[in-house]
Amino acid sequence: MKITVKYFSWIRVKLNKHEDLFEIDDKSNFQDFKSYLIQKDNFYLEIFNDDSIKFFINFKEIENEEIKLHDGDELGILPPVTGG
């Protein structure tokens, strides 16, 4: 199945892109996907260890890391926004 990851704020700037498309196992949940991303690039470890960053599946905040993923889902990675 294919999952789109959308990046926002400083993460988008640091990666120099706004999204990625990943192909993963059909029986994956969010916790599995996190492990996959960390293995793919250690930068994701920094993201997942930051408690201020929020994660959303299809615009709904993830509250349970065992949430099942489905083909076509969009994962949003949203750090806190600052400004005036």
PDB file of N, CA and C in Angstrom:
ATOM      1  N   MET A   1       0.840  -1.171   0.000  1.00  0.00           N
ATOM      2  CA  MET A   1       0.000   0.000   0.000  1.00  0.00           C
ATOM      3  C   MET A   1       0.889   1.239   0.000  1.00  0.00           C
ATOM      4  N   LYS A   2       0.332   2.337  -0.443  1.00  0.00           N
ATOM      5  CA  LYS A   2       1.092   3.587  -0.528  1.00  0.00           C
ATOM      6  C   LYS A   2       0.589   4.588   0.510  1.00  0.00           C
ATOM      7  N   ILE A   3       1.545   5.199   1.209  1.00  0.00           N
ATOM      8  CA  ILE A   3       1.255   6.211   2.224  1.00  0.00           C
ATOM      9  C   ILE A   3       2.010   7.488   1.835  1.00  0.00           C
ATOM     10  N   THR A   4       1.317   8.609   1.853  1.00  0.00           N
ATOM     11  CA  THR A   4       1.954   9.900   1.602  1.00  0.00           C
ATOM     12  C   THR A   4       2.271  10.550   2.943  1.00  0.00           C
ATOM     13  N   VAL A   5       3.499  11.018   3.094  1.00  0.00           N
ATOM     14  CA  VAL A   5       3.900  11.755   4.293  1.00  0.00           C
ATOM     15  C   VAL A   5       4.075  13.213   3.894  1.00  0.00           C
ATOM     16  N   LYS A   6       3.347  14.098   4.581  1.00  0.00           N
ATOM     17  CA  LYS A   6       3.414  15.532   4.311  1.00  0.00           C
ATOM     18  C   LYS A   6       4.176  16.208   5.442  1.00  0.00           C
ATOM     19  N   TYR A   7       5.133  17.051   5.045  1.00  0.00           N
ATOM     20  CA  TYR A   7       5.995  17.735   6.009  1.00  0.00           C
ATOM     21  C   TYR A   7       5.600  19.206   6.113  1.00  0.00           C
ATOM     22  N   PHE A   8       5.719  19.746   7.321  1.00  0.00           N
ATOM     23  CA  PHE A   8       5.371  21.135   7.553  1.00  0.00           C
ATOM     24  C   PHE A   8       6.483  21.838   8.328  1.00  0.00           C
ATOM     25  N   SER A   9       6.477  23.163   8.260  1.00  0.00           N
ATOM     26  CA  SER A   9       7.351  24.027   9.050  1.00  0.00           C
ATOM     27  C   SER A   9       8.830  23.690   8.842  1.00  0.00           C
ATOM     28  N   TRP A  10       9.611  23.642   9.933  1.00  0.00           N
ATOM     29  CA  TRP A  10      11.063  23.457   9.829  1.00  0.00           C
ATOM     30  C   TRP A  10      11.435  22.097   9.249  1.00  0.00           C
ATOM     31  N   ILE A  11      10.552  21.113   9.383  1.00  0.00           N
ATOM     32  CA  ILE A  11      10.840  19.796   8.808  1.00  0.00           C
ATOM     33  C   ILE A  11      10.846  19.889   7.280  1.00  0.00           C
ATOM     34  N   ARG A  12       9.879  20.604   6.740  1.00  0.00           N
ATOM     35  CA  ARG A  12       9.812  20.813   5.287  1.00  0.00           C
ATOM     36  C   ARG A  12      11.068  21.525   4.800  1.00  0.00           C
ATOM     37  N   VAL A  13      11.497  22.520   5.541  1.00  0.00           N
ATOM     38  CA  VAL A  13      12.694  23.286   5.159  1.00  0.00           C
ATOM     39  C   VAL A  13      13.935  22.399   5.228  1.00  0.00           C
ATOM     40  N   LYS A  14      14.077  21.657   6.321  1.00  0.00           N
ATOM     41  CA  LYS A  14      15.264  20.819   6.494  1.00  0.00           C
ATOM     42  C   LYS A  14      15.357  19.723   5.433  1.00  0.00           C
ATOM     43  N   LEU A  15      14.229  19.127   5.070  1.00  0.00           N
ATOM     44  CA  LEU A  15      14.219  18.073   4.060  1.00  0.00           C
ATOM     45  C   LEU A  15      14.172  18.618   2.631  1.00  0.00           C
ATOM     46  N   ASN A  16      13.841  19.905   2.513  1.00  0.00           N
ATOM     47  CA  ASN A  16      13.742  20.577   1.219  1.00  0.00           C
ATOM     48  C   ASN A  16      12.699  19.912   0.304  1.00  0.00           C
ATOM     49  N   LYS A  17      11.606  19.469   0.916  1.00  0.00           N
ATOM     50  CA  LYS A  17      10.480  18.907   0.164  1.00  0.00           C
ATOM     51  C   LYS A  17       9.243  18.960   1.042  1.00  0.00           C
ATOM     52  N   HIS A  18       8.090  18.905   0.418  1.00  0.00           N
ATOM     53  CA  HIS A  18       6.850  19.007   1.193  1.00  0.00           C
ATOM     54  C   HIS A  18       6.166  17.663   1.410  1.00  0.00           C
ATOM     55  N   GLU A  19       6.581  16.618   0.662  1.00  0.00           N
ATOM     56  CA  GLU A  19       5.977  15.311   0.893  1.00  0.00           C
ATOM     57  C   GLU A  19       6.827  14.200   0.294  1.00  0.00           C
ATOM     58  N   ASP A  20       6.555  12.973   0.755  1.00  0.00           N
ATOM     59  CA  ASP A  20       7.172  11.753   0.239  1.00  0.00           C
ATOM     60  C   ASP A  20       6.081  10.708   0.093  1.00  0.00           C
ATOM     61  N   LEU A  21       6.289   9.788  -0.831  1.00  0.00           N
ATOM     62  CA  LEU A  21       5.383   8.668  -1.008  1.00  0.00           C
ATOM     63  C   LEU A  21       6.146   7.390  -0.661  1.00  0.00           C
ATOM     64  N   PHE A  22       5.586   6.583   0.239  1.00  0.00           N
ATOM     65  CA  PHE A  22       6.222   5.348   0.680  1.00  0.00           C
ATOM     66  C   PHE A  22       5.312   4.169   0.368  1.00  0.00           C
ATOM     67  N   GLU A  23       5.912   3.067  -0.017  1.00  0.00           N
ATOM     68  CA  GLU A  23       5.174   1.823  -0.208  1.00  0.00           C
ATOM     69  C   GLU A  23       5.521   0.901   0.952  1.00  0.00           C
ATOM     70  N   ILE A  24       4.495   0.460   1.681  1.00  0.00           N
ATOM     71  CA  ILE A  24       4.713  -0.347   2.885  1.00  0.00           C
ATOM     72  C   ILE A  24       3.811  -1.583   2.866  1.00  0.00           C
ATOM     73  N   ASP A  25       4.047  -2.465   3.827  1.00  0.00           N
ATOM     74  CA  ASP A  25       3.263  -3.690   3.986  1.00  0.00           C
ATOM     75  C   ASP A  25       1.796  -3.359   4.244  1.00  0.00           C
ATOM     76  N   ASP A  26       0.914  -4.149   3.663  1.00  0.00           N
ATOM     77  CA  ASP A  26      -0.533  -3.914   3.786  1.00  0.00           C
ATOM     78  C   ASP A  26      -1.069  -4.020   5.204  1.00  0.00           C
ATOM     79  N   LYS A  27      -0.361  -4.671   6.107  1.00  0.00           N
ATOM     80  CA  LYS A  27      -0.870  -4.862   7.464  1.00  0.00           C
ATOM     81  C   LYS A  27      -0.206  -3.926   8.472  1.00  0.00           C
ATOM     82  N   SER A  28       0.346  -2.825   7.997  1.00  0.00           N
ATOM     83  CA  SER A  28       1.088  -1.918   8.875  1.00  0.00           C
ATOM     84  C   SER A  28       0.159  -1.027   9.690  1.00  0.00           C
ATOM     85  N   ASN A  29       0.617  -0.722  10.897  1.00  0.00           N
ATOM     86  CA  ASN A  29      -0.027   0.308  11.696  1.00  0.00           C
ATOM     87  C   ASN A  29       0.966   1.475  11.838  1.00  0.00           C
ATOM     88  N   PHE A  30       0.571   2.519  12.535  1.00  0.00           N
ATOM     89  CA  PHE A  30       1.427   3.687  12.646  1.00  0.00           C
ATOM     90  C   PHE A  30       2.747   3.355  13.335  1.00  0.00           C
ATOM     91  N   GLN A  31       2.714   2.536  14.346  1.00  0.00           N
ATOM     92  CA  GLN A  31       3.929   2.143  15.063  1.00  0.00           C
ATOM     93  C   GLN A  31       4.906   1.411  14.127  1.00  0.00           C
ATOM     94  N   ASP A  32       4.395   0.525  13.304  1.00  0.00           N
ATOM     95  CA  ASP A  32       5.227  -0.168  12.306  1.00  0.00           C
ATOM     96  C   ASP A  32       5.841   0.833  11.331  1.00  0.00           C
ATOM     97  N   PHE A  33       5.029   1.782  10.894  1.00  0.00           N
ATOM     98  CA  PHE A  33       5.483   2.776   9.927  1.00  0.00           C
ATOM     99  C   PHE A  33       6.574   3.667  10.517  1.00  0.00           C
ATOM    100  N   LYS A  34       6.425   4.010  11.786  1.00  0.00           N
ATOM    101  CA  LYS A  34       7.473   4.790  12.464  1.00  0.00           C
ATOM    102  C   LYS A  34       8.804   4.036  12.418  1.00  0.00           C
ATOM    103  N   SER A  35       8.777   2.770  12.758  1.00  0.00           N
ATOM    104  CA  SER A  35      10.004   1.957  12.739  1.00  0.00           C
ATOM    105  C   SER A  35      10.598   1.903  11.337  1.00  0.00           C
ATOM    106  N   TYR A  36       9.754   1.739  10.354  1.00  0.00           N
ATOM    107  CA  TYR A  36      10.203   1.714   8.954  1.00  0.00           C
ATOM    108  C   TYR A  36      10.905   3.019   8.584  1.00  0.00           C
ATOM    109  N   LEU A  37      10.292   4.152   8.956  1.00  0.00           N
ATOM    110  CA  LEU A  37      10.880   5.453   8.617  1.00  0.00           C
ATOM    111  C   LEU A  37      12.221   5.667   9.315  1.00  0.00           C
ATOM    112  N   ILE A  38      12.308   5.283  10.573  1.00  0.00           N
ATOM    113  CA  ILE A  38      13.562   5.447  11.331  1.00  0.00           C
ATOM    114  C   ILE A  38      14.669   4.609  10.713  1.00  0.00           C
ATOM    115  N   GLN A  39      14.335   3.406  10.270  1.00  0.00           N
ATOM    116  CA  GLN A  39      15.338   2.558   9.607  1.00  0.00           C
ATOM    117  C   GLN A  39      15.770   3.154   8.272  1.00  0.00           C
ATOM    118  N   LYS A  40      14.848   3.818   7.615  1.00  0.00           N
ATOM    119  CA  LYS A  40      15.134   4.411   6.305  1.00  0.00           C
ATOM    120  C   LYS A  40      16.044   5.634   6.428  1.00  0.00           C
ATOM    121  N   ASP A  41      15.827   6.454   7.457  1.00  0.00           N
ATOM    122  CA  ASP A  41      16.606   7.676   7.648  1.00  0.00           C
ATOM    123  C   ASP A  41      16.576   8.055   9.127  1.00  0.00           C
ATOM    124  N   ASN A  42      17.737   8.175   9.718  1.00  0.00           N
ATOM    125  CA  ASN A  42      17.856   8.481  11.149  1.00  0.00           C
ATOM    126  C   ASN A  42      17.238   9.831  11.525  1.00  0.00           C
ATOM    127  N   PHE A  43      17.021  10.710  10.542  1.00  0.00           N
ATOM    128  CA  PHE A  43      16.383  11.996  10.808  1.00  0.00           C
ATOM    129  C   PHE A  43      14.998  11.803  11.426  1.00  0.00           C
ATOM    130  N   TYR A  44      14.303  10.738  11.040  1.00  0.00           N
ATOM    131  CA  TYR A  44      12.970  10.487  11.590  1.00  0.00           C
ATOM    132  C   TYR A  44      13.021  10.181  13.087  1.00  0.00           C
ATOM    133  N   LEU A  45      14.129   9.649  13.562  1.00  0.00           N
ATOM    134  CA  LEU A  45      14.272   9.406  14.995  1.00  0.00           C
ATOM    135  C   LEU A  45      14.175  10.716  15.756  1.00  0.00           C
ATOM    136  N   GLU A  46      14.820  11.759  15.232  1.00  0.00           N
ATOM    137  CA  GLU A  46      14.738  13.094  15.839  1.00  0.00           C
ATOM    138  C   GLU A  46      13.290  13.580  15.863  1.00  0.00           C
ATOM    139  N   ILE A  47      12.577  13.355  14.785  1.00  0.00           N
ATOM    140  CA  ILE A  47      11.181  13.795  14.695  1.00  0.00           C
ATOM    141  C   ILE A  47      10.312  13.044  15.709  1.00  0.00           C
ATOM    142  N   PHE A  48      10.434  11.718  15.760  1.00  0.00           N
ATOM    143  CA  PHE A  48       9.567  10.933  16.632  1.00  0.00           C
ATOM    144  C   PHE A  48       9.938  11.053  18.109  1.00  0.00           C
ATOM    145  N   ASN A  49      11.145  11.511  18.404  1.00  0.00           N
ATOM    146  CA  ASN A  49      11.545  11.723  19.799  1.00  0.00           C
ATOM    147  C   ASN A  49      11.154  13.102  20.319  1.00  0.00           C
ATOM    148  N   ASP A  50      10.674  13.965  19.457  1.00  0.00           N
ATOM    149  CA  ASP A  50      10.276  15.324  19.839  1.00  0.00           C
ATOM    150  C   ASP A  50       8.797  15.308  20.233  1.00  0.00           C
ATOM    151  N   ASP A  51       8.532  15.448  21.523  1.00  0.00           N
ATOM    152  CA  ASP A  51       7.155  15.379  22.033  1.00  0.00           C
ATOM    153  C   ASP A  51       6.273  16.541  21.593  1.00  0.00           C
ATOM    154  N   SER A  52       6.871  17.614  21.067  1.00  0.00           N
ATOM    155  CA  SER A  52       6.069  18.753  20.648  1.00  0.00           C
ATOM    156  C   SER A  52       5.494  18.576  19.242  1.00  0.00           C
ATOM    157  N   ILE A  53       5.975  17.594  18.502  1.00  0.00           N
ATOM    158  CA  ILE A  53       5.498  17.362  17.137  1.00  0.00           C
ATOM    159  C   ILE A  53       4.237  16.500  17.187  1.00  0.00           C
ATOM    160  N   LYS A  54       3.245  16.903  16.405  1.00  0.00           N
ATOM    161  CA  LYS A  54       1.974  16.177  16.315  1.00  0.00           C
ATOM    162  C   LYS A  54       1.918  15.410  14.998  1.00  0.00           C
ATOM    163  N   PHE A  55       1.230  14.284  15.025  1.00  0.00           N
ATOM    164  CA  PHE A  55       1.091  13.427  13.853  1.00  0.00           C
ATOM    165  C   PHE A  55      -0.389  13.233  13.554  1.00  0.00           C
ATOM    166  N   PHE A  56      -0.728  13.322  12.277  1.00  0.00           N
ATOM    167  CA  PHE A  56      -2.111  13.228  11.843  1.00  0.00           C
ATOM    168  C   PHE A  56      -2.237  12.215  10.712  1.00  0.00           C
ATOM    169  N   ILE A  57      -3.275  11.413  10.747  1.00  0.00           N
ATOM    170  CA  ILE A  57      -3.637  10.546   9.633  1.00  0.00           C
ATOM    171  C   ILE A  57      -4.921  11.109   9.039  1.00  0.00           C
ATOM    172  N   ASN A  58      -4.844  11.512   7.789  1.00  0.00           N
ATOM    173  CA  ASN A  58      -6.010  12.060   7.091  1.00  0.00           C
ATOM    174  C   ASN A  58      -6.680  13.170   7.908  1.00  0.00           C
ATOM    175  N   PHE A  59      -5.865  14.079   8.427  1.00  0.00           N
ATOM    176  CA  PHE A  59      -6.297  15.274   9.165  1.00  0.00           C
ATOM    177  C   PHE A  59      -6.853  14.995  10.553  1.00  0.00           C
ATOM    178  N   LYS A  60      -6.670  13.788  11.061  1.00  0.00           N
ATOM    179  CA  LYS A  60      -7.124  13.453  12.416  1.00  0.00           C
ATOM    180  C   LYS A  60      -5.901  13.093  13.247  1.00  0.00           C
ATOM    181  N   GLU A  61      -5.749  13.772  14.401  1.00  0.00           N
ATOM    182  CA  GLU A  61      -4.569  13.544  15.241  1.00  0.00           C
ATOM    183  C   GLU A  61      -4.505  12.090  15.712  1.00  0.00           C
ATOM    184  N   ILE A  62      -3.302  11.539  15.636  1.00  0.00           N
ATOM    185  CA  ILE A  62      -3.089  10.157  16.063  1.00  0.00           C
ATOM    186  C   ILE A  62      -3.002  10.120  17.582  1.00  0.00           C
ATOM    187  N   GLU A  63      -3.867   9.359  18.200  1.00  0.00           N
ATOM    188  CA  GLU A  63      -3.869   9.206  19.654  1.00  0.00           C
ATOM    189  C   GLU A  63      -3.428   7.810  20.070  1.00  0.00           C
ATOM    190  N   ASN A  64      -3.517   6.862  19.150  1.00  0.00           N
ATOM    191  CA  ASN A  64      -3.143   5.479  19.421  1.00  0.00           C
ATOM    192  C   ASN A  64      -2.198   5.016  18.315  1.00  0.00           C
ATOM    193  N   GLU A  65      -0.952   4.691  18.680  1.00  0.00           N
ATOM    194  CA  GLU A  65       0.055   4.334  17.680  1.00  0.00           C
ATOM    195  C   GLU A  65      -0.223   3.007  16.998  1.00  0.00           C
ATOM    196  N   GLU A  66      -1.207   2.270  17.472  1.00  0.00           N
ATOM    197  CA  GLU A  66      -1.553   1.005  16.839  1.00  0.00           C
ATOM    198  C   GLU A  66      -2.638   1.187  15.783  1.00  0.00           C
ATOM    199  N   ILE A  67      -2.953   2.438  15.441  1.00  0.00           N
ATOM    200  CA  ILE A  67      -3.964   2.709  14.424  1.00  0.00           C
ATOM    201  C   ILE A  67      -3.524   2.085  13.107  1.00  0.00           C
ATOM    202  N   LYS A  68      -4.430   1.363  12.477  1.00  0.00           N
ATOM    203  CA  LYS A  68      -4.162   0.676  11.208  1.00  0.00           C
ATOM    204  C   LYS A  68      -4.064   1.699  10.085  1.00  0.00           C
ATOM    205  N   LEU A  69      -3.106   1.496   9.201  1.00  0.00           N
ATOM    206  CA  LEU A  69      -2.960   2.349   8.028  1.00  0.00           C
ATOM    207  C   LEU A  69      -3.622   1.684   6.829  1.00  0.00           C
ATOM    208  N   HIS A  70      -4.072   2.518   5.901  1.00  0.00           N
ATOM    209  CA  HIS A  70      -4.754   2.028   4.701  1.00  0.00           C
ATOM    210  C   HIS A  70      -4.135   2.660   3.459  1.00  0.00           C
ATOM    211  N   ASP A  71      -4.255   1.969   2.348  1.00  0.00           N
ATOM    212  CA  ASP A  71      -3.735   2.483   1.086  1.00  0.00           C
ATOM    213  C   ASP A  71      -4.302   3.874   0.809  1.00  0.00           C
ATOM    214  N   GLY A  72      -3.406   4.804   0.487  1.00  0.00           N
ATOM    215  CA  GLY A  72      -3.833   6.165   0.182  1.00  0.00           C
ATOM    216  C   GLY A  72      -3.863   7.104   1.371  1.00  0.00           C
ATOM    217  N   ASP A  73      -3.609   6.599   2.574  1.00  0.00           N
ATOM    218  CA  ASP A  73      -3.592   7.471   3.756  1.00  0.00           C
ATOM    219  C   ASP A  73      -2.514   8.539   3.618  1.00  0.00           C
ATOM    220  N   GLU A  74      -2.780   9.675   4.259  1.00  0.00           N
ATOM    221  CA  GLU A  74      -1.811  10.764   4.334  1.00  0.00           C
ATOM    222  C   GLU A  74      -1.419  10.981   5.783  1.00  0.00           C
ATOM    223  N   LEU A  75      -0.119  10.922   6.050  1.00  0.00           N
ATOM    224  CA  LEU A  75       0.406  11.205   7.378  1.00  0.00           C
ATOM    225  C   LEU A  75       0.957  12.612   7.363  1.00  0.00           C
ATOM    226  N   GLY A  76       0.446  13.463   8.227  1.00  0.00           N
ATOM    227  CA  GLY A  76       0.962  14.819   8.382  1.00  0.00           C
ATOM    228  C   GLY A  76       1.854  14.889   9.609  1.00  0.00           C
ATOM    229  N   ILE A  77       3.031  15.481   9.431  1.00  0.00           N
ATOM    230  CA  ILE A  77       3.971  15.678  10.542  1.00  0.00           C
ATOM    231  C   ILE A  77       4.024  17.170  10.784  1.00  0.00           C
ATOM    232  N   LEU A  78       3.499  17.604  11.937  1.00  0.00           N
ATOM    233  CA  LEU A  78       3.303  19.024  12.200  1.00  0.00           C
ATOM    234  C   LEU A  78       4.004  19.473  13.473  1.00  0.00           C
ATOM    235  N   PRO A  79       5.143  20.168  13.335  1.00  0.00           N
ATOM    236  CA  PRO A  79       5.795  20.727  14.522  1.00  0.00           C
ATOM    237  C   PRO A  79       5.010  21.957  15.009  1.00  0.00           C
ATOM    238  N   PRO A  80       5.285  22.383  16.241  1.00  0.00           N
ATOM    239  CA  PRO A  80       4.596  23.576  16.733  1.00  0.00           C
ATOM    240  C   PRO A  80       4.935  24.785  15.859  1.00  0.00           C
ATOM    241  N   VAL A  81       3.966  25.653  15.694  1.00  0.00           N
ATOM    242  CA  VAL A  81       4.156  26.840  14.868  1.00  0.00           C
ATOM    243  C   VAL A  81       4.351  28.037  15.779  1.00  0.00           C
ATOM    244  N   THR A  82       5.327  28.846  15.446  1.00  0.00           N
ATOM    245  CA  THR A  82       5.561  30.076  16.216  1.00  0.00           C
ATOM    246  C   THR A  82       5.452  31.266  15.277  1.00  0.00           C
ATOM    247  N   GLY A  83       5.357  32.416  15.842  1.00  0.00           N
ATOM    248  CA  GLY A  83       5.273  33.617  15.018  1.00  0.00           C
ATOM    249  C   GLY A  83       4.412  34.669  15.699  1.00  0.00           C
ATOM    250  N   GLY A  84       4.211  35.721  14.996  1.00  0.00           N
ATOM    251  CA  GLY A  84       3.454  36.821  15.586  1.00  0.00           C
ATOM    252  C   GLY A  84       2.398  37.340  14.715  1.00  0.00           C
TER     253      GLY A  84
END
